[in-house]
């Protein structure tokens, strides 16, 4: 008898197209692991509402954009399950059940919540924003996911999920899976402007959907060693943002590029040209797949609907089990 594949639950907020930071932090690994794990991809439109409630048009378009971005990196719709979060009824029910087991103070002191509230400039938190880690616990456990790939900043959310699940299991003698966090090898890609993070709202991102010309223009403006004013001045790759990109996207030439930079035998323009070539070589197959799916949006809709229907079948079973354990089934 073959062993059951471990189930992974991962996904993206539907607040715009995905960029290279998402690719190195998550999408690349998803594509690599899709045959090893039973992979569930969540299009997190409910979570997106916590910060973009007043912009529903963006969320609608982004459901397709994020789905297509996932498909364009090589995720196989015959293998992975693509789910629209708001279409899974059990997530909403489980969020309510779980919310009874966590205090407001515990949510307020969650370090990720505090950081994100500061980043968005929120001084008065909405109920939805404050409680989205509880909803995230339901996202993960409606399907009894074993593994959740995350960056270090999301580890507190997984620990909170484990705490909630443990408390529910102890209280009602259930066997909901306590998920394990799987840390990304590269958890964060710096922005083109040198910012520690590449972000949709920071204007410093290269998107997976960017054209070759857009990539060229963005790389040309990327921050390098600020002390290297002219080509004949030796550079310092250790503080050069473009060098960080070469380490990830031009690994075979990285040492040589750094050596040439230090000896002033290559200038920043030529260095950026090499990076542009590497990035476009990476993105070209994605562009081809994206073009196909953008021409066949009905196929994308079918993929999302099929995945969401499957998620509802699984989630309904989980909620039925929970309600039986809680003695509220009639």
Protein backbone atom coordinates (compact mmCIF):
# COMPACT_ATOMS: atom_id res chain seq x y z
CA UNK A 1 0.00 0.00 0.00
CA UNK A 2 1.43 3.39 -1.00
CA UNK A 3 1.78 6.02 1.70
CA UNK A 4 -0.45 9.10 1.62
CA UNK A 5 1.27 12.19 0.31
CA UNK A 6 1.69 14.96 2.84
CA UNK A 7 -0.61 17.88 2.06
CA UNK A 8 0.74 21.40 1.57
CA UNK A 9 -1.43 24.51 1.87
CA UNK A 10 0.04 27.70 0.46
CA UNK A 11 -1.24 30.69 -1.46
CA UNK A 12 -1.24 34.40 -2.16
CA UNK A 13 -3.30 37.46 -1.31
CA UNK A 14 -5.21 38.61 -4.38
CA UNK A 15 -4.03 42.21 -4.32
CA UNK A 16 -2.26 42.37 -7.69
CA UNK A 17 0.05 40.41 -9.93
CA UNK A 18 2.94 38.49 -8.38
CA UNK A 19 6.60 39.49 -8.68
CA UNK A 20 10.07 37.99 -8.46
CA UNK A 21 9.97 38.20 -4.68
CA UNK A 22 7.01 35.83 -4.69
CA UNK A 23 8.82 33.60 -7.16
CA UNK A 24 12.01 33.10 -5.15
CA UNK A 25 10.18 33.03 -1.83
CA UNK A 26 7.44 30.58 -2.72
CA UNK A 27 6.36 29.94 -6.32
CA UNK A 28 9.61 28.29 -7.37
CA UNK A 29 9.33 25.81 -4.51
CA UNK A 30 5.66 25.15 -5.22
CA UNK A 31 6.45 24.10 -8.75
CA UNK A 32 9.32 21.90 -7.56
CA UNK A 33 7.26 20.19 -4.83
CA UNK A 34 3.92 19.76 -6.61
CA UNK A 35 4.49 16.08 -7.42
CA UNK A 36 5.96 15.26 -4.02
CA UNK A 37 3.11 16.79 -1.99
CA UNK A 38 -0.67 17.02 -2.32
CA UNK A 39 -0.60 20.75 -3.09
CA UNK A 40 -3.43 23.19 -2.32
CA UNK A 41 -3.06 26.76 -3.63
CA UNK A 42 -5.29 29.33 -1.92
CA UNK A 43 -6.32 32.51 -3.76
CA UNK A 44 -6.69 34.50 -0.54
CA UNK A 45 -9.35 37.04 -1.50
CA UNK A 46 -10.88 37.19 1.99
CA UNK A 47 -7.50 37.96 3.51
CA UNK A 48 -7.00 40.60 0.81
CA UNK A 49 -10.18 42.30 2.00
CA UNK A 50 -8.53 43.07 5.35
CA UNK A 51 -6.44 45.76 3.63
CA UNK A 52 -8.27 46.34 0.32
CA UNK A 53 -11.94 46.23 1.30
CA UNK A 54 -12.68 49.49 -0.54
CA UNK A 55 -11.17 48.29 -3.83
CA UNK A 56 -13.21 45.26 -4.93
CA UNK A 57 -12.33 45.75 -8.62
CA UNK A 58 -8.66 45.09 -7.83
CA UNK A 59 -9.55 41.93 -5.94
CA UNK A 60 -11.70 40.56 -8.77
CA UNK A 61 -9.04 41.09 -11.41
CA UNK A 62 -6.36 39.76 -9.07
CA UNK A 63 -8.11 36.43 -8.57
CA UNK A 64 -7.36 35.72 -12.23
CA UNK A 65 -3.94 37.38 -12.20
CA UNK A 66 -2.71 35.41 -9.20
CA UNK A 67 -4.13 32.16 -10.55
CA UNK A 68 -2.43 32.75 -13.91
CA UNK A 69 0.86 33.68 -12.22
CA UNK A 70 0.79 30.35 -10.38
CA UNK A 71 0.01 28.45 -13.56
CA UNK A 72 2.64 30.34 -15.54
CA UNK A 73 5.50 29.19 -13.29
CA UNK A 74 4.69 25.60 -14.13
CA UNK A 75 2.06 24.49 -11.63
CA UNK A 76 0.01 21.75 -13.27
CA UNK A 77 -3.77 22.16 -12.83
CA UNK A 78 -4.09 18.38 -13.16
CA UNK A 79 -1.88 17.97 -10.09
CA UNK A 80 -2.47 20.96 -7.79
CA UNK A 81 -5.76 22.21 -6.35
CA UNK A 82 -6.39 25.93 -6.93
CA UNK A 83 -8.97 27.34 -4.52
CA UNK A 84 -10.83 30.65 -4.17
CA UNK A 85 -10.82 31.30 -0.44
CA UNK A 86 -14.18 33.08 -0.29
CA UNK A 87 -15.85 30.11 -2.00
CA UNK A 88 -14.98 27.63 0.77
CA UNK A 89 -17.83 27.79 3.29
CA UNK A 90 -16.08 25.71 5.92
CA UNK A 91 -13.32 28.31 6.31
CA UNK A 92 -15.86 30.89 7.48
CA UNK A 93 -17.46 28.45 9.93
CA UNK A 94 -14.13 27.26 11.31
CA UNK A 95 -12.99 30.87 11.74
CA UNK A 96 -15.95 31.44 14.05
CA UNK A 97 -15.27 28.26 16.04
CA UNK A 98 -11.57 29.07 16.40
CA UNK A 99 -12.24 32.68 17.39
CA UNK A 100 -13.74 31.40 20.65
CA UNK A 101 -10.36 29.95 21.63
CA UNK A 102 -8.10 32.97 21.25
CA UNK A 103 -8.05 36.25 23.18
CA UNK A 104 -7.99 39.71 21.66
CA UNK A 105 -4.78 40.45 23.58
CA UNK A 106 -3.04 37.44 22.04
CA UNK A 107 -3.93 38.74 18.58
CA UNK A 108 -2.84 42.28 19.39
CA UNK A 109 0.55 41.02 20.54
CA UNK A 110 1.14 38.85 17.48
CA UNK A 111 4.39 40.32 16.07
CA UNK A 112 3.29 39.93 12.44
CA UNK A 113 0.02 41.77 13.11
CA UNK A 114 1.91 44.57 14.85
CA UNK A 115 4.39 44.90 11.97
CA UNK A 116 1.75 44.83 9.25
CA UNK A 117 -0.46 47.33 11.09
CA UNK A 118 2.52 49.68 11.28
CA UNK A 119 3.33 49.17 7.60
CA UNK A 120 -0.23 50.02 6.57
CA UNK A 121 -0.44 52.94 9.01
CA UNK A 122 -3.35 51.40 10.93
CA UNK A 123 -3.83 52.80 14.42
CA UNK A 124 -7.41 51.54 14.84
CA UNK A 125 -7.56 47.93 13.66
CA UNK A 126 -10.67 46.46 12.09
CA UNK A 127 -12.05 43.21 13.49
CA UNK A 128 -11.14 41.50 10.21
CA UNK A 129 -7.54 42.72 10.20
CA UNK A 130 -6.96 41.86 13.84
CA UNK A 131 -8.50 38.43 13.45
CA UNK A 132 -7.08 37.33 10.12
CA UNK A 133 -4.56 34.95 11.79
CA UNK A 134 -7.63 33.07 13.08
CA UNK A 135 -9.04 32.93 9.56
CA UNK A 136 -5.62 31.78 8.40
CA UNK A 137 -5.77 28.93 10.91
CA UNK A 138 -9.05 27.87 9.28
CA UNK A 139 -7.45 28.20 5.82
CA UNK A 140 -4.75 25.75 6.83
CA UNK A 141 -6.83 23.23 8.75
CA UNK A 142 -10.07 22.92 6.77
CA UNK A 143 -8.16 20.41 4.63
CA UNK A 144 -5.89 19.14 7.42
CA UNK A 145 -2.75 20.48 5.77
CA UNK A 146 0.43 18.92 7.10
CA UNK A 147 2.89 21.54 5.87
CA UNK A 148 2.73 25.30 5.27
CA UNK A 149 5.66 26.93 3.42
CA UNK A 150 6.31 30.38 4.93
CA UNK A 151 8.92 33.06 5.39
CA UNK A 152 10.27 33.75 8.86
CA UNK A 153 7.86 36.66 9.35
CA UNK A 154 4.89 34.27 9.06
CA UNK A 155 6.13 31.70 11.59
CA UNK A 156 4.13 33.35 14.46
CA UNK A 157 0.94 32.71 12.47
CA UNK A 158 1.74 29.02 12.14
CA UNK A 159 2.53 28.79 15.85
CA UNK A 160 -0.82 30.44 16.60
CA UNK A 161 -2.57 27.95 14.32
CA UNK A 162 -0.89 25.07 16.13
CA UNK A 163 -1.93 26.53 19.48
CA UNK A 164 -5.56 26.90 18.39
CA UNK A 165 -5.70 23.40 16.89
CA UNK A 166 -4.11 21.86 19.98
CA UNK A 167 -6.64 23.59 22.21
CA UNK A 168 -9.57 22.51 20.05
CA UNK A 169 -8.34 18.91 19.89
CA UNK A 170 -7.80 18.78 23.65
CA UNK A 171 -11.22 20.27 24.36
CA UNK A 172 -13.29 18.20 21.93
CA UNK A 173 -11.12 15.08 21.45
CA UNK A 174 -10.75 15.66 17.72
CA UNK A 175 -7.72 14.92 15.54
CA UNK A 176 -7.30 18.03 13.39
CA UNK A 177 -3.76 18.11 12.03
CA UNK A 178 -1.27 20.46 13.66
CA UNK A 179 0.59 21.92 10.66
CA UNK A 180 4.34 22.26 10.42
CA UNK A 181 5.99 25.38 9.03
CA UNK A 182 8.41 24.86 6.15
CA UNK A 183 10.78 27.82 5.89
CA UNK A 184 11.62 29.12 2.43
CA UNK A 185 15.28 28.85 1.43
CA UNK A 186 15.15 32.42 0.08
CA UNK A 187 12.48 34.14 2.13
CA UNK A 188 12.88 37.66 0.81
CA UNK A 189 14.16 39.44 -2.29
CA UNK A 190 15.24 43.05 -1.89
CA UNK A 191 13.57 45.71 -4.01
CA UNK A 192 15.21 47.33 -7.00
CA UNK A 193 15.52 50.52 -4.95
CA UNK A 194 17.55 48.78 -2.25
CA UNK A 195 14.60 48.45 0.10
CA UNK A 196 14.87 45.32 2.21
CA UNK A 197 11.68 43.98 0.65
CA UNK A 198 10.29 43.83 -2.86
CA UNK A 199 6.64 44.80 -2.58
CA UNK A 200 3.60 45.52 -4.71
CA UNK A 201 2.92 48.80 -2.93
CA UNK A 202 6.56 49.96 -2.90
CA UNK A 203 7.01 50.44 -6.66
CA UNK A 204 10.27 48.47 -6.60
CA UNK A 205 9.21 45.15 -8.11
CA UNK A 206 9.75 43.18 -11.30
CA UNK A 207 6.53 41.33 -12.05
CA UNK A 208 6.36 37.88 -13.58
CA UNK A 209 4.11 39.45 -16.22
CA UNK A 210 6.52 42.28 -17.14
CA UNK A 211 7.57 42.51 -20.79
CA UNK A 212 11.27 42.21 -21.74
CA UNK A 213 11.39 45.98 -22.24
CA UNK A 214 9.82 46.65 -18.84
CA UNK A 215 12.41 44.39 -17.20
CA UNK A 216 15.20 46.19 -19.03
CA UNK A 217 13.94 49.62 -17.96
CA UNK A 218 13.51 48.57 -14.33
CA UNK A 219 16.91 46.92 -14.05
CA UNK A 220 18.55 49.97 -15.62
CA UNK A 221 17.26 52.09 -12.71
CA UNK A 222 18.24 49.57 -10.02
CA UNK A 223 20.41 50.79 -7.14
CA UNK A 224 24.06 49.70 -7.21
CA UNK A 225 27.16 50.57 -5.15
CA UNK A 226 26.58 54.30 -4.43
CA UNK A 227 30.34 54.99 -4.28
CA UNK A 228 30.88 53.75 -7.83
CA UNK A 229 30.25 56.98 -9.71
CA UNK A 230 32.21 56.04 -12.85
CA UNK A 231 33.12 52.77 -14.54
CA UNK A 232 36.83 53.01 -13.69
CA UNK A 233 36.15 53.07 -9.93
CA UNK A 234 36.31 49.54 -8.45
CA UNK A 235 32.93 48.43 -7.10
CA UNK A 236 31.91 46.57 -3.95
CA UNK A 237 29.49 43.72 -4.78
CA UNK A 238 28.89 43.15 -1.07
CA UNK A 239 26.79 46.32 -0.91
CA UNK A 240 25.47 46.27 -4.47
CA UNK A 241 21.82 45.40 -4.89
CA UNK A 242 22.31 44.18 -8.45
CA UNK A 243 24.96 41.73 -7.22
CA UNK A 244 22.36 40.23 -4.86
CA UNK A 245 20.16 39.56 -7.88
CA UNK A 246 23.05 37.99 -9.80
CA UNK A 247 23.66 35.61 -6.90
CA UNK A 248 20.09 34.31 -7.29
CA UNK A 249 19.43 34.63 -11.01
CA UNK A 250 22.95 34.32 -12.54
CA UNK A 251 24.56 31.91 -10.07
CA UNK A 252 26.99 30.38 -12.54
CA UNK A 253 28.52 33.76 -13.35
CA UNK A 254 28.20 35.35 -9.93
CA UNK A 255 31.80 34.93 -8.76
CA UNK A 256 33.19 36.12 -12.08
CA UNK A 257 30.87 39.15 -12.17
CA UNK A 258 31.91 40.10 -8.63
CA UNK A 259 35.58 39.73 -9.52
CA UNK A 260 35.19 41.96 -12.59
CA UNK A 261 33.27 44.51 -10.53
CA UNK A 262 36.03 44.70 -7.90
CA UNK A 263 38.70 45.12 -10.59
CA UNK A 264 36.64 47.72 -12.49
CA UNK A 265 36.78 45.55 -15.62
CA UNK A 266 33.00 45.69 -15.96
CA UNK A 267 30.76 48.71 -15.48
CA UNK A 268 27.29 48.88 -13.96
CA UNK A 269 25.62 49.25 -17.36
CA UNK A 270 27.16 46.02 -18.66
CA UNK A 271 26.50 44.28 -15.36
CA UNK A 272 22.82 45.24 -15.52
CA UNK A 273 22.64 44.09 -19.12
CA UNK A 274 23.75 40.61 -18.04
CA UNK A 275 21.13 40.58 -15.29
CA UNK A 276 18.43 41.71 -17.71
CA UNK A 277 19.30 38.77 -19.95
CA UNK A 278 19.15 36.32 -17.05
CA UNK A 279 15.79 37.59 -15.87
CA UNK A 280 14.23 37.56 -19.32
CA UNK A 281 15.51 34.03 -19.91
CA UNK A 282 13.76 33.01 -16.68
CA UNK A 283 10.55 34.88 -17.49
CA UNK A 284 10.16 33.98 -21.17
CA UNK A 285 8.54 30.55 -20.57
CA UNK A 286 6.23 32.14 -17.99
CA UNK A 287 5.19 34.80 -20.49
CA UNK A 288 4.32 32.08 -22.99
CA UNK A 289 2.12 30.24 -20.48
CA UNK A 290 0.57 33.51 -19.29
CA UNK A 291 -0.34 34.47 -22.86
CA UNK A 292 -2.12 31.13 -23.27
CA UNK A 293 -4.16 31.45 -20.08
CA UNK A 294 -5.03 35.08 -20.70
CA UNK A 295 -6.50 33.94 -24.02
CA UNK A 296 -8.35 31.11 -22.26
CA UNK A 297 -9.76 32.71 -19.11
CA UNK A 298 -12.71 30.33 -19.21
CA UNK A 299 -10.20 27.54 -18.62
CA UNK A 300 -8.79 29.43 -15.61
CA UNK A 301 -12.33 29.83 -14.27
CA UNK A 302 -12.91 26.09 -14.61
CA UNK A 303 -9.65 25.33 -12.79
CA UNK A 304 -10.65 27.60 -9.89
CA UNK A 305 -14.22 26.27 -9.74
CA UNK A 306 -13.07 22.64 -9.78
CA UNK A 307 -10.52 23.26 -7.04
CA UNK A 308 -13.00 25.19 -4.90
CA UNK A 309 -15.63 22.45 -5.25
CA UNK A 310 -13.07 19.87 -4.15
CA UNK A 311 -12.11 22.10 -1.20
CA UNK A 312 -15.76 22.39 -0.18
CA UNK A 313 -16.19 18.62 -0.15
CA UNK A 314 -13.15 18.26 2.11
CA UNK A 315 -14.00 21.24 4.29
CA UNK A 316 -17.63 20.16 4.78
CA UNK A 317 -16.38 16.83 6.15
CA UNK A 318 -14.05 18.64 8.56
CA UNK A 319 -16.81 20.93 9.83
CA UNK A 320 -19.23 18.02 10.19
CA UNK A 321 -16.66 16.22 12.33
CA UNK A 322 -16.09 19.37 14.41
CA UNK A 323 -19.81 19.95 14.97
CA UNK A 324 -20.32 16.33 16.00
CA UNK A 325 -17.48 16.66 18.49
CA UNK A 326 -18.94 19.91 19.80
CA UNK A 327 -22.41 18.31 20.10
CA UNK A 328 -24.07 21.00 18.00
CA UNK A 329 -25.13 18.79 15.10
CA UNK A 330 -28.89 18.23 14.90
